[in-house]
Amino acid sequence: QVQLVESGGGLVQAGGSLRLSCAASGSISSINAMGWYRQAPGKQRELVATITIGGGTNYVDSVKGRSAISRDKAENTVYLHMNSLKPEDTAVYYCGAIQYGLGVYWGQGTQVTVSS
């Protein structure tokens, strides 16, 4: 089992920045990659960014160039830095611990609201 706790969401003005954090605990060694996902009202959950055990990163096109996923191995924490926030970034952001071929452990989510 893997437990995930997100923090760092809130209300931000358009053009602003924020950093989301995800602290992982439990069976950390079973994780192949970590990801940030988001779900806006009435929409499906979408992948925002991932970082693999090897440090490789991937981003959805809508956040490329203004977001960065990073990790602190010692603290078992993954971060998502987002800049130049837009109202369309408003969503509940979820941290996911990915086990290839098995599934994803989810955190409880943190609300990000970007005001125009």
C-alpha atoms as a PDB file:
ATOM      1  CA  GLN A   1       0.000   0.000   0.000  1.00  0.00           C
ATOM      2  CA  VAL A   2       1.043   3.542  -0.719  1.00  0.00           C
ATOM      3  CA  GLN A   3      -0.338   6.574   1.053  1.00  0.00           C
ATOM      4  CA  LEU A   4      -0.252  10.008  -0.545  1.00  0.00           C
ATOM      5  CA  VAL A   5      -0.970  13.376   1.001  1.00  0.00           C
ATOM      6  CA  GLU A   6      -1.222  16.462  -1.189  1.00  0.00           C
ATOM      7  CA  SER A   7      -0.921  20.052  -0.097  1.00  0.00           C
ATOM      8  CA  GLY A   8      -0.407  23.491  -1.560  1.00  0.00           C
ATOM      9  CA  GLY A   9      -3.652  24.191  -3.368  1.00  0.00           C
ATOM     10  CA  GLY A  10      -5.688  27.317  -2.950  1.00  0.00           C
ATOM     11  CA  LEU A  11      -6.961  30.434  -4.659  1.00  0.00           C
ATOM     12  CA  VAL A  12      -4.548  32.136  -7.051  1.00  0.00           C
ATOM     13  CA  GLN A  13      -4.952  35.030  -9.438  1.00  0.00           C
ATOM     14  CA  ALA A  14      -4.448  34.467 -13.131  1.00  0.00           C
ATOM     15  CA  GLY A  15      -0.794  34.843 -13.985  1.00  0.00           C
ATOM     16  CA  GLY A  16       0.275  33.714 -10.549  1.00  0.00           C
ATOM     17  CA  SER A  17       2.199  30.674  -9.421  1.00  0.00           C
ATOM     18  CA  LEU A  18       1.850  27.855  -6.959  1.00  0.00           C
ATOM     19  CA  ARG A  19       3.604  24.738  -5.795  1.00  0.00           C
ATOM     20  CA  LEU A  20       1.794  21.538  -4.998  1.00  0.00           C
ATOM     21  CA  SER A  21       3.396  18.915  -2.786  1.00  0.00           C
ATOM     22  CA  CYS A  22       2.740  15.205  -2.489  1.00  0.00           C
ATOM     23  CA  ALA A  23       4.238  13.236   0.381  1.00  0.00           C
ATOM     24  CA  ALA A  24       4.366   9.484  -0.145  1.00  0.00           C
ATOM     25  CA  SER A  25       4.653   6.777   2.471  1.00  0.00           C
ATOM     26  CA  GLY A  26       4.245   3.036   2.665  1.00  0.00           C
ATOM     27  CA  SER A  27       5.530   0.685  -0.049  1.00  0.00           C
ATOM     28  CA  ILE A  28       7.606   3.357  -1.801  1.00  0.00           C
ATOM     29  CA  SER A  29       9.840   0.788  -3.482  1.00  0.00           C
ATOM     30  CA  SER A  30       6.890  -0.539  -5.479  1.00  0.00           C
ATOM     31  CA  ILE A  31       6.334   2.784  -7.255  1.00  0.00           C
ATOM     32  CA  ASN A  32       7.534   3.140 -10.853  1.00  0.00           C
ATOM     33  CA  ALA A  33       6.539   6.754 -11.385  1.00  0.00           C
ATOM     34  CA  MET A  34       4.678   9.623  -9.762  1.00  0.00           C
ATOM     35  CA  GLY A  35       2.175  11.825 -11.470  1.00  0.00           C
ATOM     36  CA  TRP A  36      -0.004  14.842 -11.021  1.00  0.00           C
ATOM     37  CA  TYR A  37      -3.503  14.679 -12.420  1.00  0.00           C
ATOM     38  CA  ARG A  38      -6.382  17.116 -12.370  1.00  0.00           C
ATOM     39  CA  GLN A  39     -10.121  16.990 -12.713  1.00  0.00           C
ATOM     40  CA  ALA A  40     -12.214  20.004 -13.491  1.00  0.00           C
ATOM     41  CA  PRO A  41     -15.985  20.042 -12.843  1.00  0.00           C
ATOM     42  CA  GLY A  42     -17.799  18.018 -15.463  1.00  0.00           C
ATOM     43  CA  LYS A  43     -14.596  16.765 -17.043  1.00  0.00           C
ATOM     44  CA  GLN A  44     -12.590  13.596 -16.902  1.00  0.00           C
ATOM     45  CA  ARG A  45      -9.435  13.355 -14.841  1.00  0.00           C
ATOM     46  CA  GLU A  46      -6.422  14.163 -16.980  1.00  0.00           C
ATOM     47  CA  LEU A  47      -2.737  13.572 -16.558  1.00  0.00           C
ATOM     48  CA  VAL A  48      -0.795  16.789 -16.037  1.00  0.00           C
ATOM     49  CA  ALA A  49       2.770  15.621 -15.485  1.00  0.00           C
ATOM     50  CA  THR A  50       4.750  12.541 -14.561  1.00  0.00           C
ATOM     51  CA  ILE A  51       8.212  11.801 -13.250  1.00  0.00           C
ATOM     52  CA  THR A  52       9.719   8.346 -13.356  1.00  0.00           C
ATOM     53  CA  ILE A  53      12.067   6.670 -10.916  1.00  0.00           C
ATOM     54  CA  GLY A  54      14.839   7.489 -13.363  1.00  0.00           C
ATOM     55  CA  GLY A  55      13.907  11.170 -13.349  1.00  0.00           C
ATOM     56  CA  GLY A  56      12.286  11.343 -16.757  1.00  0.00           C
ATOM     57  CA  THR A  57       9.435  13.835 -17.010  1.00  0.00           C
ATOM     58  CA  ASN A  58       6.443  14.264 -19.236  1.00  0.00           C
ATOM     59  CA  TYR A  59       3.806  17.000 -19.444  1.00  0.00           C
ATOM     60  CA  VAL A  60       0.427  17.506 -21.032  1.00  0.00           C
ATOM     61  CA  ASP A  61       0.656  20.076 -23.808  1.00  0.00           C
ATOM     62  CA  SER A  62      -1.531  22.593 -21.982  1.00  0.00           C
ATOM     63  CA  VAL A  63       1.020  23.049 -19.165  1.00  0.00           C
ATOM     64  CA  LYS A  64       4.283  22.615 -21.074  1.00  0.00           C
ATOM     65  CA  GLY A  65       6.660  25.498 -20.612  1.00  0.00           C
ATOM     66  CA  ARG A  66       4.980  26.794 -17.482  1.00  0.00           C
ATOM     67  CA  SER A  67       5.070  23.778 -15.187  1.00  0.00           C
ATOM     68  CA  ALA A  68       7.753  21.618 -13.631  1.00  0.00           C
ATOM     69  CA  ILE A  69       7.462  18.347 -11.771  1.00  0.00           C
ATOM     70  CA  SER A  70      10.273  17.495  -9.399  1.00  0.00           C
ATOM     71  CA  ARG A  71      11.008  15.237  -6.490  1.00  0.00           C
ATOM     72  CA  ASP A  72      12.901  15.057  -3.240  1.00  0.00           C
ATOM     73  CA  LYS A  73      13.984  11.446  -2.866  1.00  0.00           C
ATOM     74  CA  ALA A  74      15.068  11.884   0.725  1.00  0.00           C
ATOM     75  CA  GLU A  75      11.663  13.239   1.695  1.00  0.00           C
ATOM     76  CA  ASN A  76       9.649  10.935  -0.626  1.00  0.00           C
ATOM     77  CA  THR A  77       7.933  14.045  -1.882  1.00  0.00           C
ATOM     78  CA  VAL A  78       6.960  15.111  -5.375  1.00  0.00           C
ATOM     79  CA  TYR A  79       6.254  18.694  -6.335  1.00  0.00           C
ATOM     80  CA  LEU A  80       4.412  20.406  -9.141  1.00  0.00           C
ATOM     81  CA  HIS A  81       5.372  24.001  -9.798  1.00  0.00           C
ATOM     82  CA  MET A  82       2.987  25.883 -12.009  1.00  0.00           C
ATOM     83  CA  ASN A  83       3.500  29.398 -13.369  1.00  0.00           C
ATOM     84  CA  SER A  84       1.406  31.728 -15.487  1.00  0.00           C
ATOM     85  CA  LEU A  85      -1.725  30.133 -14.142  1.00  0.00           C
ATOM     86  CA  LYS A  86      -4.919  30.421 -16.164  1.00  0.00           C
ATOM     87  CA  PRO A  87      -8.551  30.101 -15.132  1.00  0.00           C
ATOM     88  CA  GLU A  88      -8.681  26.871 -17.138  1.00  0.00           C
ATOM     89  CA  ASP A  89      -6.137  25.397 -14.714  1.00  0.00           C
ATOM     90  CA  THR A  90      -8.862  25.404 -12.064  1.00  0.00           C
ATOM     91  CA  ALA A  91      -9.417  21.829 -10.914  1.00  0.00           C
ATOM     92  CA  VAL A  92      -8.884  19.371  -8.124  1.00  0.00           C
ATOM     93  CA  TYR A  93      -5.295  18.208  -8.426  1.00  0.00           C
ATOM     94  CA  TYR A  94      -4.483  14.639  -7.477  1.00  0.00           C
ATOM     95  CA  CYS A  95      -1.178  12.996  -6.843  1.00  0.00           C
ATOM     96  CA  GLY A  96      -0.810   9.481  -8.181  1.00  0.00           C
ATOM     97  CA  ALA A  97       1.722   6.755  -7.433  1.00  0.00           C
ATOM     98  CA  ILE A  98       1.989   4.615 -10.546  1.00  0.00           C
ATOM     99  CA  GLN A  99       2.750   0.921 -10.561  1.00  0.00           C
ATOM    100  CA  TYR A 100       3.253  -0.163 -14.146  1.00  0.00           C
ATOM    101  CA  GLY A 101       0.738  -2.816 -15.104  1.00  0.00           C
ATOM    102  CA  LEU A 102      -1.009  -2.667 -11.767  1.00  0.00           C
ATOM    103  CA  GLY A 103      -2.603   0.713 -11.331  1.00  0.00           C
ATOM    104  CA  VAL A 104      -2.394   3.985  -9.493  1.00  0.00           C
ATOM    105  CA  TYR A 105      -2.632   4.916  -5.844  1.00  0.00           C
ATOM    106  CA  TRP A 106      -4.403   8.240  -5.355  1.00  0.00           C
ATOM    107  CA  GLY A 107      -4.166  11.020  -2.874  1.00  0.00           C
ATOM    108  CA  GLN A 108      -7.215  12.844  -1.582  1.00  0.00           C
ATOM    109  CA  GLY A 109      -6.795  15.781  -3.932  1.00  0.00           C
ATOM    110  CA  THR A 110      -6.231  19.479  -3.428  1.00  0.00           C
ATOM    111  CA  GLN A 111      -8.336  22.253  -4.935  1.00  0.00           C
ATOM    112  CA  VAL A 112      -6.684  24.835  -7.146  1.00  0.00           C
ATOM    113  CA  THR A 113      -8.808  27.796  -8.166  1.00  0.00           C
ATOM    114  CA  VAL A 114      -7.465  30.425 -10.545  1.00  0.00           C
ATOM    115  CA  SER A 115      -9.422  33.661 -10.617  1.00  0.00           C
ATOM    116  CA  SER A 116      -9.499  35.876 -13.686  1.00  0.00           C
END
